[in-house]
Amino acid sequence: MTRRRVWAVVVAAFVAGGALAFAVVSVQDDGTPPVTAGPAHPSASRVPETRTELIEAWVTELRRTGRELPDDWETLTTGEIRARYLHQRLVNAPSADELDPGINGFADE
């Protein structure tokens, strides 16, 4: 055999081996479920990011209880405003009895 034929056989074997490996890998199932992207966080539970958005949300939560911003609120850092907003949101959260008045009782038999 000439060198040209030897190289042709080597290249053909290499291409055939690559095609066979690709076919085996693409058909093989590893048993794991396909990866899916979950939904984005619901907009109702999103915590505002900017200082302006945090102040607006905090004012809204305070007004639900009939309160206003404290006098020194301008000196608070964004992190402190976020903490106070989240605390007020937690305080304003409905209790289980408000959501379902009979939740703690047993059904009459």
N, C-alpha and C. Protein backbone atom coordinates (compact mmCIF):
# COMPACT_ATOMS: atom_id res chain seq x y z
N MET A 1 0.83 -1.17 0.00
CA MET A 1 0.00 0.00 0.00
C MET A 1 0.88 1.24 0.00
N THR A 2 0.35 2.19 -0.65
CA THR A 2 1.10 3.45 -0.70
C THR A 2 0.72 4.29 0.52
N ARG A 3 1.53 5.30 0.74
CA ARG A 3 1.28 6.18 1.88
C ARG A 3 -0.08 6.87 1.76
N ARG A 4 -0.45 7.24 0.59
CA ARG A 4 -1.72 7.92 0.38
C ARG A 4 -2.89 7.02 0.81
N ARG A 5 -2.82 5.74 0.45
CA ARG A 5 -3.89 4.82 0.82
C ARG A 5 -3.90 4.58 2.34
N VAL A 6 -2.74 4.50 2.96
CA VAL A 6 -2.66 4.30 4.40
C VAL A 6 -3.31 5.48 5.12
N TRP A 7 -2.99 6.69 4.69
CA TRP A 7 -3.59 7.87 5.29
C TRP A 7 -5.10 7.92 5.04
N ALA A 8 -5.53 7.54 3.90
CA ALA A 8 -6.95 7.53 3.59
C ALA A 8 -7.68 6.54 4.49
N VAL A 9 -7.08 5.36 4.72
CA VAL A 9 -7.69 4.37 5.59
C VAL A 9 -7.72 4.89 7.04
N VAL A 10 -6.64 5.53 7.48
CA VAL A 10 -6.57 6.06 8.84
C VAL A 10 -7.63 7.15 9.04
N VAL A 11 -7.74 8.06 8.09
CA VAL A 11 -8.72 9.15 8.18
C VAL A 11 -10.14 8.58 8.14
N ALA A 12 -10.39 7.61 7.27
CA ALA A 12 -11.71 7.01 7.18
C ALA A 12 -12.06 6.30 8.49
N ALA A 13 -11.11 5.59 9.08
CA ALA A 13 -11.35 4.90 10.35
C ALA A 13 -11.61 5.92 11.47
N PHE A 14 -10.88 7.02 11.46
CA PHE A 14 -11.07 8.06 12.47
C PHE A 14 -12.46 8.68 12.35
N VAL A 15 -12.88 9.00 11.13
CA VAL A 15 -14.20 9.60 10.90
C VAL A 15 -15.30 8.61 11.27
N ALA A 16 -15.13 7.34 10.89
CA ALA A 16 -16.13 6.33 11.22
C ALA A 16 -16.22 6.13 12.73
N GLY A 17 -15.11 6.13 13.42
CA GLY A 17 -15.10 6.00 14.88
C GLY A 17 -15.77 7.19 15.55
N GLY A 18 -15.51 8.38 15.06
CA GLY A 18 -16.16 9.57 15.61
C GLY A 18 -17.66 9.54 15.40
N ALA A 19 -18.09 9.15 14.21
CA ALA A 19 -19.52 9.06 13.92
C ALA A 19 -20.19 8.01 14.79
N LEU A 20 -19.53 6.87 14.99
CA LEU A 20 -20.07 5.82 15.83
C LEU A 20 -20.16 6.29 17.29
N ALA A 21 -19.14 6.98 17.79
CA ALA A 21 -19.16 7.49 19.16
C ALA A 21 -20.28 8.52 19.33
N PHE A 22 -20.45 9.39 18.38
CA PHE A 22 -21.52 10.38 18.43
C PHE A 22 -22.89 9.71 18.45
N ALA A 23 -23.08 8.68 17.64
CA ALA A 23 -24.35 7.98 17.59
C ALA A 23 -24.64 7.28 18.91
N VAL A 24 -23.64 6.66 19.51
CA VAL A 24 -23.83 5.96 20.79
C VAL A 24 -24.16 6.95 21.89
N VAL A 25 -23.45 8.06 21.95
CA VAL A 25 -23.68 9.05 23.00
C VAL A 25 -25.04 9.71 22.84
N SER A 26 -25.46 9.99 21.63
CA SER A 26 -26.74 10.67 21.44
C SER A 26 -27.93 9.76 21.72
N VAL A 27 -27.76 8.46 21.59
CA VAL A 27 -28.85 7.52 21.84
C VAL A 27 -28.91 7.11 23.30
N GLN A 28 -27.80 7.13 23.97
CA GLN A 28 -27.72 6.67 25.36
C GLN A 28 -28.54 7.60 26.26
N ASP A 29 -29.33 7.01 27.17
CA ASP A 29 -30.14 7.75 28.13
C ASP A 29 -29.54 7.54 29.51
N ASP A 30 -29.21 8.63 30.19
CA ASP A 30 -28.58 8.48 31.50
C ASP A 30 -29.60 8.37 32.63
N GLY A 31 -30.88 8.44 32.34
CA GLY A 31 -31.91 8.23 33.34
C GLY A 31 -32.29 9.45 34.15
N THR A 32 -31.60 10.55 33.97
CA THR A 32 -31.96 11.75 34.73
C THR A 32 -33.04 12.52 33.97
N PRO A 33 -33.92 13.17 34.70
CA PRO A 33 -34.96 13.95 34.02
C PRO A 33 -34.36 15.17 33.33
N PRO A 34 -35.01 15.66 32.32
CA PRO A 34 -34.47 16.83 31.64
C PRO A 34 -34.50 18.05 32.57
N VAL A 35 -33.55 18.91 32.38
CA VAL A 35 -33.46 20.12 33.20
C VAL A 35 -34.44 21.14 32.66
N THR A 36 -35.25 21.69 33.55
CA THR A 36 -36.18 22.73 33.14
C THR A 36 -35.95 23.95 34.00
N ALA A 37 -36.26 25.08 33.44
CA ALA A 37 -36.12 26.33 34.18
C ALA A 37 -37.41 26.58 34.93
N GLY A 38 -37.30 26.87 36.20
CA GLY A 38 -38.47 27.16 37.01
C GLY A 38 -38.98 28.56 36.71
N PRO A 39 -40.19 28.83 37.15
CA PRO A 39 -40.74 30.15 36.92
C PRO A 39 -39.99 31.20 37.72
N ALA A 40 -40.02 32.40 37.24
CA ALA A 40 -39.40 33.50 37.97
C ALA A 40 -40.16 33.71 39.28
N HIS A 41 -39.51 34.37 40.22
CA HIS A 41 -40.17 34.65 41.49
C HIS A 41 -41.46 35.42 41.24
N PRO A 42 -42.51 35.06 41.94
CA PRO A 42 -43.76 35.79 41.74
C PRO A 42 -43.59 37.27 42.11
N SER A 43 -44.24 38.11 41.35
CA SER A 43 -44.06 39.54 41.57
C SER A 43 -44.62 39.99 42.91
N ALA A 44 -45.56 39.23 43.48
CA ALA A 44 -46.14 39.62 44.76
C ALA A 44 -45.14 39.50 45.90
N SER A 45 -44.17 38.61 45.79
CA SER A 45 -43.22 38.42 46.87
C SER A 45 -41.88 39.11 46.60
N ARG A 46 -41.80 39.87 45.55
CA ARG A 46 -40.56 40.55 45.20
C ARG A 46 -40.28 41.68 46.19
N VAL A 47 -39.07 41.72 46.70
CA VAL A 47 -38.66 42.80 47.59
C VAL A 47 -38.04 43.89 46.73
N PRO A 48 -38.48 45.13 46.90
CA PRO A 48 -37.91 46.22 46.10
C PRO A 48 -36.40 46.32 46.31
N GLU A 49 -35.72 46.78 45.28
CA GLU A 49 -34.26 46.85 45.33
C GLU A 49 -33.74 48.26 45.57
N THR A 50 -34.30 49.23 44.89
CA THR A 50 -33.77 50.59 45.00
C THR A 50 -34.32 51.26 46.25
N ARG A 51 -33.64 52.31 46.68
CA ARG A 51 -34.05 53.06 47.87
C ARG A 51 -35.44 53.66 47.67
N THR A 52 -35.69 54.21 46.49
CA THR A 52 -36.98 54.83 46.21
C THR A 52 -38.10 53.79 46.29
N GLU A 53 -37.90 52.64 45.67
CA GLU A 53 -38.91 51.58 45.71
C GLU A 53 -39.15 51.09 47.13
N LEU A 54 -38.06 50.97 47.91
CA LEU A 54 -38.19 50.52 49.30
C LEU A 54 -38.99 51.52 50.12
N ILE A 55 -38.73 52.81 49.93
CA ILE A 55 -39.45 53.84 50.68
C ILE A 55 -40.93 53.80 50.33
N GLU A 56 -41.24 53.70 49.03
CA GLU A 56 -42.64 53.64 48.60
C GLU A 56 -43.35 52.42 49.20
N ALA A 57 -42.69 51.27 49.18
CA ALA A 57 -43.28 50.05 49.72
C ALA A 57 -43.44 50.16 51.24
N TRP A 58 -42.46 50.75 51.91
CA TRP A 58 -42.52 50.91 53.35
C TRP A 58 -43.67 51.84 53.74
N VAL A 59 -43.83 52.95 53.00
CA VAL A 59 -44.93 53.88 53.26
C VAL A 59 -46.26 53.17 53.09
N THR A 60 -46.38 52.34 52.05
CA THR A 60 -47.62 51.60 51.81
C THR A 60 -47.93 50.67 52.97
N GLU A 61 -46.92 49.95 53.46
CA GLU A 61 -47.13 49.04 54.59
C GLU A 61 -47.47 49.81 55.86
N LEU A 62 -46.82 50.96 56.08
CA LEU A 62 -47.12 51.76 57.27
C LEU A 62 -48.54 52.32 57.22
N ARG A 63 -48.98 52.75 56.06
CA ARG A 63 -50.33 53.32 55.93
C ARG A 63 -51.41 52.28 56.19
N ARG A 64 -51.11 51.02 55.95
CA ARG A 64 -52.08 49.96 56.24
C ARG A 64 -52.40 49.90 57.73
N THR A 65 -51.45 50.33 58.56
CA THR A 65 -51.66 50.34 60.01
C THR A 65 -51.97 51.73 60.53
N GLY A 66 -52.07 52.72 59.65
CA GLY A 66 -52.39 54.08 60.07
C GLY A 66 -51.19 54.86 60.57
N ARG A 67 -50.00 54.43 60.25
CA ARG A 67 -48.79 55.11 60.71
C ARG A 67 -48.12 55.82 59.55
N GLU A 68 -47.20 56.69 59.87
CA GLU A 68 -46.41 57.43 58.88
C GLU A 68 -44.93 57.13 59.09
N LEU A 69 -44.11 57.61 58.16
CA LEU A 69 -42.67 57.43 58.29
C LEU A 69 -42.16 58.13 59.54
N PRO A 70 -41.16 57.56 60.21
CA PRO A 70 -40.60 58.25 61.38
C PRO A 70 -39.89 59.54 60.95
N ASP A 71 -39.69 60.44 61.90
CA ASP A 71 -39.11 61.75 61.58
C ASP A 71 -37.69 61.65 61.03
N ASP A 72 -36.90 60.72 61.49
CA ASP A 72 -35.50 60.62 61.07
C ASP A 72 -35.27 59.61 59.95
N TRP A 73 -36.29 59.32 59.15
CA TRP A 73 -36.16 58.26 58.15
C TRP A 73 -35.14 58.62 57.06
N GLU A 74 -34.88 59.92 56.83
CA GLU A 74 -33.92 60.31 55.79
C GLU A 74 -32.49 59.88 56.13
N THR A 75 -32.19 59.72 57.42
CA THR A 75 -30.83 59.36 57.83
C THR A 75 -30.59 57.85 57.79
N LEU A 76 -31.64 57.06 57.55
CA LEU A 76 -31.49 55.61 57.51
C LEU A 76 -30.79 55.17 56.23
N THR A 77 -30.00 54.13 56.34
CA THR A 77 -29.37 53.56 55.15
C THR A 77 -30.40 52.73 54.39
N THR A 78 -30.06 52.38 53.18
CA THR A 78 -30.97 51.55 52.38
C THR A 78 -31.20 50.20 53.04
N GLY A 79 -30.17 49.64 53.64
CA GLY A 79 -30.31 48.36 54.34
C GLY A 79 -31.24 48.47 55.53
N GLU A 80 -31.16 49.57 56.28
CA GLU A 80 -32.04 49.77 57.42
C GLU A 80 -33.49 49.95 56.97
N ILE A 81 -33.68 50.67 55.86
CA ILE A 81 -35.03 50.85 55.32
C ILE A 81 -35.59 49.51 54.87
N ARG A 82 -34.76 48.71 54.22
CA ARG A 82 -35.20 47.38 53.78
C ARG A 82 -35.61 46.53 54.99
N ALA A 83 -34.81 46.56 56.06
CA ALA A 83 -35.13 45.78 57.25
C ALA A 83 -36.43 46.25 57.89
N ARG A 84 -36.62 47.56 57.98
CA ARG A 84 -37.85 48.08 58.58
C ARG A 84 -39.06 47.77 57.71
N TYR A 85 -38.88 47.84 56.38
CA TYR A 85 -39.98 47.50 55.48
C TYR A 85 -40.37 46.03 55.64
N LEU A 86 -39.38 45.14 55.65
CA LEU A 86 -39.67 43.71 55.79
C LEU A 86 -40.30 43.41 57.15
N HIS A 87 -39.86 44.09 58.20
CA HIS A 87 -40.46 43.89 59.52
C HIS A 87 -41.92 44.34 59.50
N GLN A 88 -42.19 45.50 58.91
CA GLN A 88 -43.56 45.98 58.88
C GLN A 88 -44.44 45.07 58.03
N ARG A 89 -43.87 44.54 56.97
CA ARG A 89 -44.62 43.61 56.12
C ARG A 89 -44.98 42.35 56.89
N LEU A 90 -44.03 41.88 57.71
CA LEU A 90 -44.28 40.70 58.54
C LEU A 90 -45.34 41.00 59.59
N VAL A 91 -45.28 42.19 60.19
CA VAL A 91 -46.28 42.57 61.20
C VAL A 91 -47.66 42.65 60.57
N ASN A 92 -47.74 43.13 59.32
CA ASN A 92 -49.03 43.30 58.64
C ASN A 92 -49.56 42.00 58.05
N ALA A 93 -48.76 40.95 58.06
CA ALA A 93 -49.19 39.69 57.44
C ALA A 93 -50.40 39.14 58.19
N PRO A 94 -51.37 38.60 57.46
CA PRO A 94 -52.55 38.05 58.14
C PRO A 94 -52.21 36.79 58.93
N SER A 95 -52.92 36.59 60.02
CA SER A 95 -52.71 35.39 60.82
C SER A 95 -53.55 34.25 60.24
N ALA A 96 -53.33 33.06 60.73
CA ALA A 96 -54.08 31.90 60.25
C ALA A 96 -55.56 32.06 60.53
N ASP A 97 -55.90 32.63 61.70
CA ASP A 97 -57.31 32.83 62.04
C ASP A 97 -57.99 33.82 61.11
N GLU A 98 -57.24 34.81 60.64
CA GLU A 98 -57.82 35.78 59.70
C GLU A 98 -58.06 35.14 58.34
N LEU A 99 -57.18 34.24 57.95
CA LEU A 99 -57.35 33.58 56.66
C LEU A 99 -58.46 32.54 56.69
N ASP A 100 -58.48 31.75 57.76
CA ASP A 100 -59.49 30.69 57.90
C ASP A 100 -59.86 30.60 59.38
N PRO A 101 -60.97 31.22 59.79
CA PRO A 101 -61.32 31.27 61.21
C PRO A 101 -61.42 29.91 61.88
N GLY A 102 -61.76 28.85 61.19
CA GLY A 102 -61.90 27.54 61.80
C GLY A 102 -60.69 26.66 61.64
N ILE A 103 -59.54 27.22 61.35
CA ILE A 103 -58.36 26.40 61.04
C ILE A 103 -57.87 25.62 62.25
N ASN A 104 -58.00 26.17 63.45
CA ASN A 104 -57.48 25.49 64.64
C ASN A 104 -58.50 24.55 65.28
N GLY A 105 -59.74 24.63 64.88
CA GLY A 105 -60.75 23.78 65.48
C GLY A 105 -60.96 22.50 64.69
N PHE A 106 -61.60 21.54 65.31
CA PHE A 106 -61.91 20.30 64.64
C PHE A 106 -63.31 20.37 64.08
N ALA A 107 -63.55 19.65 63.02
CA ALA A 107 -64.89 19.63 62.42
C ALA A 107 -65.84 18.90 63.35
N ASP A 108 -67.04 19.45 63.43
CA ASP A 108 -68.07 18.77 64.25
C ASP A 108 -68.45 17.45 63.61
N GLU A 109 -68.58 16.46 64.44
CA GLU A 109 -68.92 15.14 63.90
C GLU A 109 -70.39 14.89 63.95
